Amino acid sequence: MAVINSICECGNAVLLNVGDCIRNDILYWFLSYRCENCGKAVEVDGTDKIPERIKKAIVEQEGLWGLFFTDNKELARIKYILKKEPNVLSKLSSHNLSSNVTTNMLYEGTNNEMILLYNYMSGKGIKGLVISNLLY
């Protein structure tokens, strides 16, 4: 889980707990905090694209991850699957099929985004996919 410094409506500094997770093959993002000053508690989650502020915090604190393919023969099939079923990618934050396919990287994002895409592509019979942290 990542944290973001913020301000409560009462003016007190708070830490927002943010992150993403996969439940039943669906990517969720979440945000929560409790203000020690006024007692306000907030919990928000969603299944739409991860808000950029939250995604930025997750990536900064948990790393940027990439999904790579190891078999160049699979690229045409991968592109076909992703073009035929664009809803698979609609929930991934604003990253498109990487123009960096010369390094065999398909997408980049949070670890959970890459796990979700990996699971989907594996389910379609694509073999030789690897998830790797790009910052190490």
N, C-alpha and C. Protein backbone atom coordinates (compact mmCIF):
# COMPACT_ATOMS: atom_id res chain seq x y z
N MET A 1 0.85 -1.17 0.00
CA MET A 1 0.00 0.00 0.00
C MET A 1 0.90 1.23 0.00
N ALA A 2 0.50 2.22 -0.73
CA ALA A 2 1.24 3.48 -0.82
C ALA A 2 0.51 4.56 0.00
N VAL A 3 1.19 5.65 0.25
CA VAL A 3 0.57 6.76 0.98
C VAL A 3 0.80 8.06 0.23
N ILE A 4 -0.17 8.96 0.40
CA ILE A 4 -0.11 10.29 -0.20
C ILE A 4 -0.39 11.30 0.90
N ASN A 5 0.44 12.32 1.02
CA ASN A 5 0.17 13.42 1.96
C ASN A 5 -0.97 14.25 1.40
N SER A 6 -1.91 14.61 2.28
CA SER A 6 -3.06 15.40 1.84
C SER A 6 -3.56 16.23 3.01
N ILE A 7 -4.65 16.93 2.78
CA ILE A 7 -5.27 17.78 3.80
C ILE A 7 -6.74 17.41 3.90
N CYS A 8 -7.22 17.20 5.11
CA CYS A 8 -8.64 16.93 5.35
C CYS A 8 -9.43 18.22 5.16
N GLU A 9 -10.74 18.09 5.03
CA GLU A 9 -11.60 19.27 4.89
C GLU A 9 -11.47 20.22 6.08
N CYS A 10 -11.10 19.67 7.25
CA CYS A 10 -10.96 20.51 8.45
C CYS A 10 -9.62 21.27 8.46
N GLY A 11 -8.74 20.95 7.51
CA GLY A 11 -7.45 21.63 7.42
C GLY A 11 -6.30 20.85 8.03
N ASN A 12 -6.58 19.73 8.65
CA ASN A 12 -5.55 18.90 9.27
C ASN A 12 -4.83 18.07 8.20
N ALA A 13 -3.52 17.88 8.40
CA ALA A 13 -2.75 17.01 7.50
C ALA A 13 -3.15 15.56 7.74
N VAL A 14 -3.33 14.81 6.65
CA VAL A 14 -3.68 13.39 6.73
C VAL A 14 -2.84 12.61 5.73
N LEU A 15 -2.70 11.32 6.00
CA LEU A 15 -2.07 10.40 5.06
C LEU A 15 -3.15 9.58 4.39
N LEU A 16 -3.22 9.65 3.06
CA LEU A 16 -4.14 8.82 2.30
C LEU A 16 -3.47 7.48 2.04
N ASN A 17 -4.11 6.41 2.43
CA ASN A 17 -3.64 5.07 2.09
C ASN A 17 -4.24 4.72 0.73
N VAL A 18 -3.39 4.41 -0.24
CA VAL A 18 -3.87 4.14 -1.59
C VAL A 18 -3.23 2.87 -2.12
N GLY A 19 -3.88 2.27 -3.08
CA GLY A 19 -3.31 1.08 -3.70
C GLY A 19 -4.23 0.50 -4.75
N ASP A 20 -3.84 -0.65 -5.25
CA ASP A 20 -4.66 -1.39 -6.20
C ASP A 20 -4.59 -2.87 -5.84
N CYS A 21 -5.59 -3.61 -6.26
CA CYS A 21 -5.63 -5.05 -5.98
C CYS A 21 -6.49 -5.73 -7.05
N ILE A 22 -6.37 -7.03 -7.10
CA ILE A 22 -7.17 -7.82 -8.04
C ILE A 22 -8.09 -8.71 -7.23
N ARG A 23 -9.38 -8.64 -7.54
CA ARG A 23 -10.38 -9.53 -6.95
C ARG A 23 -11.25 -10.08 -8.06
N ASN A 24 -11.36 -11.39 -8.13
CA ASN A 24 -12.18 -12.04 -9.16
C ASN A 24 -11.85 -11.55 -10.56
N ASP A 25 -10.57 -11.46 -10.86
CA ASP A 25 -10.08 -11.02 -12.17
C ASP A 25 -10.50 -9.59 -12.53
N ILE A 26 -10.71 -8.76 -11.53
CA ILE A 26 -11.06 -7.35 -11.75
C ILE A 26 -10.05 -6.51 -10.97
N LEU A 27 -9.52 -5.48 -11.62
CA LEU A 27 -8.58 -4.57 -10.98
C LEU A 27 -9.35 -3.49 -10.23
N TYR A 28 -9.07 -3.36 -8.95
CA TYR A 28 -9.66 -2.32 -8.11
C TYR A 28 -8.57 -1.36 -7.65
N TRP A 29 -8.92 -0.10 -7.47
CA TRP A 29 -8.05 0.86 -6.82
C TRP A 29 -8.78 1.33 -5.56
N PHE A 30 -8.03 1.84 -4.58
CA PHE A 30 -8.68 2.29 -3.36
C PHE A 30 -7.91 3.45 -2.73
N LEU A 31 -8.64 4.16 -1.88
CA LEU A 31 -8.10 5.30 -1.13
C LEU A 31 -8.84 5.33 0.20
N SER A 32 -8.13 5.54 1.29
CA SER A 32 -8.79 5.69 2.58
C SER A 32 -7.95 6.56 3.51
N TYR A 33 -8.64 7.21 4.44
CA TYR A 33 -7.95 7.93 5.51
C TYR A 33 -8.92 8.19 6.65
N ARG A 34 -8.35 8.45 7.80
CA ARG A 34 -9.11 8.88 8.96
C ARG A 34 -8.38 10.06 9.57
N CYS A 35 -9.10 11.16 9.72
CA CYS A 35 -8.51 12.38 10.28
C CYS A 35 -8.51 12.29 11.81
N GLU A 36 -7.32 12.46 12.39
CA GLU A 36 -7.18 12.43 13.86
C GLU A 36 -7.79 13.67 14.50
N ASN A 37 -7.92 14.76 13.73
CA ASN A 37 -8.43 16.01 14.28
C ASN A 37 -9.96 16.02 14.38
N CYS A 38 -10.65 15.75 13.27
CA CYS A 38 -12.11 15.84 13.25
C CYS A 38 -12.81 14.48 13.25
N GLY A 39 -12.05 13.41 13.06
CA GLY A 39 -12.64 12.08 13.08
C GLY A 39 -13.24 11.62 11.76
N LYS A 40 -13.18 12.46 10.76
CA LYS A 40 -13.75 12.08 9.47
C LYS A 40 -13.01 10.87 8.91
N ALA A 41 -13.77 9.90 8.44
CA ALA A 41 -13.20 8.72 7.82
C ALA A 41 -13.72 8.62 6.39
N VAL A 42 -12.81 8.36 5.46
CA VAL A 42 -13.18 8.28 4.04
C VAL A 42 -12.62 6.99 3.47
N GLU A 43 -13.45 6.29 2.73
CA GLU A 43 -13.01 5.12 1.97
C GLU A 43 -13.63 5.21 0.59
N VAL A 44 -12.78 5.10 -0.41
CA VAL A 44 -13.23 5.19 -1.80
C VAL A 44 -12.54 4.08 -2.57
N ASP A 45 -13.27 3.44 -3.46
CA ASP A 45 -12.63 2.49 -4.36
C ASP A 45 -13.36 2.50 -5.69
N GLY A 46 -12.74 1.89 -6.67
CA GLY A 46 -13.36 1.87 -7.99
C GLY A 46 -12.74 0.81 -8.87
N THR A 47 -13.42 0.55 -9.96
CA THR A 47 -12.92 -0.41 -10.95
C THR A 47 -12.63 0.26 -12.28
N ASP A 48 -12.73 1.59 -12.30
CA ASP A 48 -12.37 2.33 -13.51
C ASP A 48 -10.84 2.48 -13.52
N LYS A 49 -10.32 3.27 -14.42
CA LYS A 49 -8.87 3.48 -14.46
C LYS A 49 -8.39 4.06 -13.13
N ILE A 50 -7.21 3.63 -12.73
CA ILE A 50 -6.64 4.15 -11.50
C ILE A 50 -6.39 5.65 -11.68
N PRO A 51 -6.93 6.50 -10.79
CA PRO A 51 -6.64 7.94 -10.90
C PRO A 51 -5.14 8.19 -10.92
N GLU A 52 -4.71 9.11 -11.74
CA GLU A 52 -3.28 9.34 -11.96
C GLU A 52 -2.52 9.64 -10.67
N ARG A 53 -3.12 10.41 -9.77
CA ARG A 53 -2.44 10.74 -8.50
C ARG A 53 -2.17 9.47 -7.69
N ILE A 54 -3.13 8.57 -7.68
CA ILE A 54 -2.98 7.31 -6.95
C ILE A 54 -1.97 6.41 -7.65
N LYS A 55 -2.08 6.32 -8.98
CA LYS A 55 -1.14 5.47 -9.72
C LYS A 55 0.29 5.96 -9.54
N LYS A 56 0.47 7.28 -9.59
CA LYS A 56 1.80 7.85 -9.43
C LYS A 56 2.40 7.45 -8.08
N ALA A 57 1.59 7.52 -7.02
CA ALA A 57 2.07 7.14 -5.69
C ALA A 57 2.41 5.65 -5.62
N ILE A 58 1.57 4.81 -6.22
CA ILE A 58 1.84 3.37 -6.22
C ILE A 58 3.15 3.09 -6.93
N VAL A 59 3.33 3.69 -8.10
CA VAL A 59 4.55 3.44 -8.88
C VAL A 59 5.78 3.97 -8.15
N GLU A 60 5.67 5.17 -7.56
CA GLU A 60 6.82 5.74 -6.84
C GLU A 60 7.22 4.88 -5.65
N GLN A 61 6.24 4.28 -4.97
CA GLN A 61 6.52 3.56 -3.74
C GLN A 61 6.63 2.05 -3.91
N GLU A 62 6.06 1.49 -4.97
CA GLU A 62 6.08 0.04 -5.16
C GLU A 62 6.76 -0.38 -6.45
N GLY A 63 7.13 0.60 -7.26
CA GLY A 63 7.84 0.30 -8.49
C GLY A 63 6.99 0.34 -9.74
N LEU A 64 7.66 0.55 -10.86
CA LEU A 64 7.03 0.50 -12.18
C LEU A 64 7.32 -0.88 -12.75
N TRP A 65 6.30 -1.53 -13.24
CA TRP A 65 6.41 -2.91 -13.72
C TRP A 65 6.12 -2.97 -15.20
N GLY A 66 6.72 -3.92 -15.86
CA GLY A 66 6.50 -4.11 -17.29
C GLY A 66 6.11 -5.54 -17.59
N LEU A 67 5.32 -5.70 -18.65
CA LEU A 67 4.98 -7.03 -19.15
C LEU A 67 5.74 -7.24 -20.45
N PHE A 68 6.55 -8.27 -20.48
CA PHE A 68 7.41 -8.56 -21.61
C PHE A 68 7.01 -9.89 -22.24
N PHE A 69 7.25 -10.03 -23.54
CA PHE A 69 7.07 -11.33 -24.20
C PHE A 69 8.45 -11.83 -24.60
N THR A 70 8.63 -13.14 -24.53
CA THR A 70 9.95 -13.72 -24.80
C THR A 70 10.03 -14.39 -26.17
N ASP A 71 8.90 -14.51 -26.84
CA ASP A 71 8.88 -15.16 -28.15
C ASP A 71 8.36 -14.18 -29.19
N ASN A 72 9.26 -13.72 -30.06
CA ASN A 72 8.88 -12.73 -31.09
C ASN A 72 7.78 -13.24 -32.00
N LYS A 73 7.64 -14.55 -32.13
CA LYS A 73 6.58 -15.10 -32.98
C LYS A 73 5.20 -14.82 -32.40
N GLU A 74 5.12 -14.52 -31.12
CA GLU A 74 3.83 -14.27 -30.46
C GLU A 74 3.32 -12.84 -30.65
N LEU A 75 4.17 -11.92 -31.11
CA LEU A 75 3.78 -10.51 -31.16
C LEU A 75 2.54 -10.27 -32.01
N ALA A 76 2.47 -10.84 -33.20
CA ALA A 76 1.31 -10.63 -34.06
C ALA A 76 0.04 -11.14 -33.38
N ARG A 77 0.14 -12.28 -32.74
CA ARG A 77 -1.02 -12.85 -32.06
C ARG A 77 -1.42 -11.98 -30.86
N ILE A 78 -0.45 -11.48 -30.13
CA ILE A 78 -0.72 -10.59 -29.00
C ILE A 78 -1.46 -9.35 -29.48
N LYS A 79 -0.94 -8.72 -30.53
CA LYS A 79 -1.58 -7.51 -31.06
C LYS A 79 -3.00 -7.81 -31.53
N TYR A 80 -3.20 -8.96 -32.15
CA TYR A 80 -4.53 -9.35 -32.63
C TYR A 80 -5.50 -9.48 -31.45
N ILE A 81 -5.09 -10.17 -30.41
CA ILE A 81 -5.95 -10.36 -29.24
C ILE A 81 -6.31 -9.02 -28.62
N LEU A 82 -5.33 -8.16 -28.45
CA LEU A 82 -5.57 -6.87 -27.81
C LEU A 82 -6.42 -5.95 -28.68
N LYS A 83 -6.28 -6.05 -30.00
CA LYS A 83 -7.09 -5.22 -30.89
C LYS A 83 -8.52 -5.74 -30.93
N LYS A 84 -8.67 -7.06 -30.92
CA LYS A 84 -10.00 -7.68 -31.00
C LYS A 84 -10.80 -7.44 -29.72
N GLU A 85 -10.12 -7.35 -28.59
CA GLU A 85 -10.80 -7.21 -27.31
C GLU A 85 -10.24 -6.01 -26.54
N PRO A 86 -10.52 -4.79 -27.01
CA PRO A 86 -9.94 -3.60 -26.38
C PRO A 86 -10.42 -3.35 -24.95
N ASN A 87 -11.55 -3.95 -24.55
CA ASN A 87 -12.02 -3.74 -23.17
C ASN A 87 -11.04 -4.27 -22.14
N VAL A 88 -10.21 -5.21 -22.55
CA VAL A 88 -9.21 -5.76 -21.64
C VAL A 88 -8.28 -4.65 -21.17
N LEU A 89 -7.98 -3.75 -22.06
CA LEU A 89 -7.02 -2.68 -21.75
C LEU A 89 -7.67 -1.41 -21.26
N SER A 90 -8.99 -1.31 -21.35
CA SER A 90 -9.65 -0.05 -21.01
C SER A 90 -9.46 0.34 -19.56
N LYS A 91 -9.23 -0.62 -18.69
CA LYS A 91 -9.05 -0.31 -17.27
C LYS A 91 -7.61 -0.02 -16.91
N LEU A 92 -6.69 -0.40 -17.80
CA LEU A 92 -5.29 -0.07 -17.51
C LEU A 92 -5.13 1.43 -17.70
N SER A 93 -4.36 2.02 -16.86
CA SER A 93 -4.16 3.46 -16.97
C SER A 93 -3.59 3.78 -18.33
N SER A 94 -3.50 4.99 -18.66
CA SER A 94 -3.33 5.50 -20.01
C SER A 94 -2.14 4.98 -20.81
N HIS A 95 -1.73 3.76 -20.60
CA HIS A 95 -0.62 3.21 -21.38
C HIS A 95 -1.15 2.35 -22.51
N ASN A 96 -0.62 2.56 -23.68
CA ASN A 96 -1.00 1.76 -24.84
C ASN A 96 0.08 0.74 -25.10
N LEU A 97 -0.18 -0.12 -26.09
CA LEU A 97 0.82 -1.09 -26.48
C LEU A 97 2.13 -0.34 -26.70
N SER A 98 3.13 -0.76 -26.00
CA SER A 98 4.39 -0.04 -26.00
C SER A 98 4.97 0.07 -27.40
N SER A 99 5.44 1.26 -27.72
CA SER A 99 6.15 1.44 -28.99
C SER A 99 7.55 0.86 -28.86
N ASN A 100 7.87 0.42 -27.66
CA ASN A 100 9.19 -0.10 -27.36
C ASN A 100 9.24 -1.62 -27.53
N VAL A 101 8.52 -2.14 -28.55
CA VAL A 101 8.47 -3.59 -28.73
C VAL A 101 9.83 -4.16 -29.15
N THR A 102 10.78 -3.30 -29.49
CA THR A 102 12.12 -3.81 -29.79
C THR A 102 12.76 -4.41 -28.54
N THR A 103 12.32 -3.98 -27.36
CA THR A 103 12.81 -4.58 -26.11
C THR A 103 11.85 -5.65 -25.62
N ASN A 104 10.85 -5.95 -26.41
CA ASN A 104 9.83 -6.95 -26.10
C ASN A 104 8.93 -6.55 -24.94
N MET A 105 8.86 -5.25 -24.61
CA MET A 105 7.94 -4.80 -23.56
C MET A 105 6.60 -4.45 -24.19
N LEU A 106 5.53 -5.02 -23.64
CA LEU A 106 4.19 -4.73 -24.14
C LEU A 106 3.56 -3.54 -23.42
N TYR A 107 3.53 -3.61 -22.10
CA TYR A 107 2.89 -2.58 -21.30
C TYR A 107 3.72 -2.30 -20.06
N GLU A 108 3.44 -1.16 -19.44
CA GLU A 108 4.04 -0.83 -18.16
C GLU A 108 2.96 -0.26 -17.26
N GLY A 109 3.14 -0.44 -15.97
CA GLY A 109 2.16 0.07 -15.01
C GLY A 109 2.44 -0.49 -13.63
N THR A 110 1.39 -0.59 -12.82
CA THR A 110 1.56 -1.16 -11.49
C THR A 110 1.72 -2.67 -11.60
N ASN A 111 2.24 -3.27 -10.57
CA ASN A 111 2.41 -4.72 -10.57
C ASN A 111 1.07 -5.42 -10.79
N ASN A 112 0.03 -4.97 -10.11
CA ASN A 112 -1.28 -5.61 -10.26
C ASN A 112 -1.85 -5.44 -11.67
N GLU A 113 -1.61 -4.30 -12.31
CA GLU A 113 -2.05 -4.14 -13.69
C GLU A 113 -1.38 -5.17 -14.59
N MET A 114 -0.08 -5.37 -14.37
CA MET A 114 0.65 -6.33 -15.20
C MET A 114 0.23 -7.77 -14.89
N ILE A 115 -0.06 -8.07 -13.64
CA ILE A 115 -0.54 -9.41 -13.28
C ILE A 115 -1.87 -9.68 -13.96
N LEU A 116 -2.77 -8.70 -13.94
CA LEU A 116 -4.07 -8.87 -14.57
C LEU A 116 -3.92 -9.12 -16.07
N LEU A 117 -3.08 -8.34 -16.74
CA LEU A 117 -2.87 -8.51 -18.17
C LEU A 117 -2.16 -9.84 -18.46
N TYR A 118 -1.20 -10.19 -17.63
CA TYR A 118 -0.51 -11.48 -17.78
C TYR A 118 -1.51 -12.63 -17.69
N ASN A 119 -2.36 -12.60 -16.68
CA ASN A 119 -3.35 -13.66 -16.50
C ASN A 119 -4.30 -13.74 -17.69
N TYR A 120 -4.72 -12.60 -18.18
CA TYR A 120 -5.63 -12.58 -19.33
C TYR A 120 -4.95 -13.18 -20.56
N MET A 121 -3.75 -12.71 -20.86
CA MET A 121 -3.05 -13.18 -22.05
C MET A 121 -2.70 -14.67 -21.93
N SER A 122 -2.31 -15.10 -20.75
CA SER A 122 -2.02 -16.52 -20.53
C SER A 122 -3.26 -17.36 -20.77
N GLY A 123 -4.40 -16.85 -20.34
CA GLY A 123 -5.66 -17.54 -20.55
C GLY A 123 -6.03 -17.66 -22.02
N LYS A 124 -5.48 -16.79 -22.84
CA LYS A 124 -5.71 -16.83 -24.29
C LYS A 124 -4.65 -17.68 -25.00
N GLY A 125 -3.79 -18.32 -24.22
CA GLY A 125 -2.80 -19.22 -24.80
C GLY A 125 -1.46 -18.58 -25.14
N ILE A 126 -1.27 -17.33 -24.77
CA ILE A 126 0.02 -16.68 -25.02
C ILE A 126 1.01 -17.19 -23.98
N LYS A 127 2.11 -17.71 -24.47
CA LYS A 127 3.15 -18.24 -23.58
C LYS A 127 4.36 -17.31 -23.62
N GLY A 128 5.23 -17.48 -22.67
CA GLY A 128 6.47 -16.71 -22.68
C GLY A 128 6.30 -15.27 -22.27
N LEU A 129 5.39 -14.99 -21.34
CA LEU A 129 5.22 -13.64 -20.82
C LEU A 129 5.96 -13.53 -19.49
N VAL A 130 6.57 -12.38 -19.26
CA VAL A 130 7.35 -12.16 -18.04
C VAL A 130 6.99 -10.78 -17.49
N ILE A 131 6.75 -10.73 -16.18
CA ILE A 131 6.54 -9.46 -15.49
C ILE A 131 7.84 -9.10 -14.78
N SER A 132 8.29 -7.86 -14.95
CA SER A 132 9.54 -7.46 -14.33
C SER A 132 9.44 -6.03 -13.82
N ASN A 133 10.10 -5.77 -12.69
CA ASN A 133 10.18 -4.43 -12.15
C ASN A 133 11.16 -3.63 -13.01
N LEU A 134 10.74 -2.49 -13.49
CA LEU A 134 11.56 -1.70 -14.42
C LEU A 134 12.54 -0.78 -13.69
N LEU A 135 12.39 -0.63 -12.40
CA LEU A 135 13.24 0.33 -11.69
C LEU A 135 14.42 -0.31 -11.01
N TYR A 136 14.55 -1.63 -11.10
CA TYR A 136 15.68 -2.30 -10.44
C TYR A 136 16.55 -2.98 -11.44
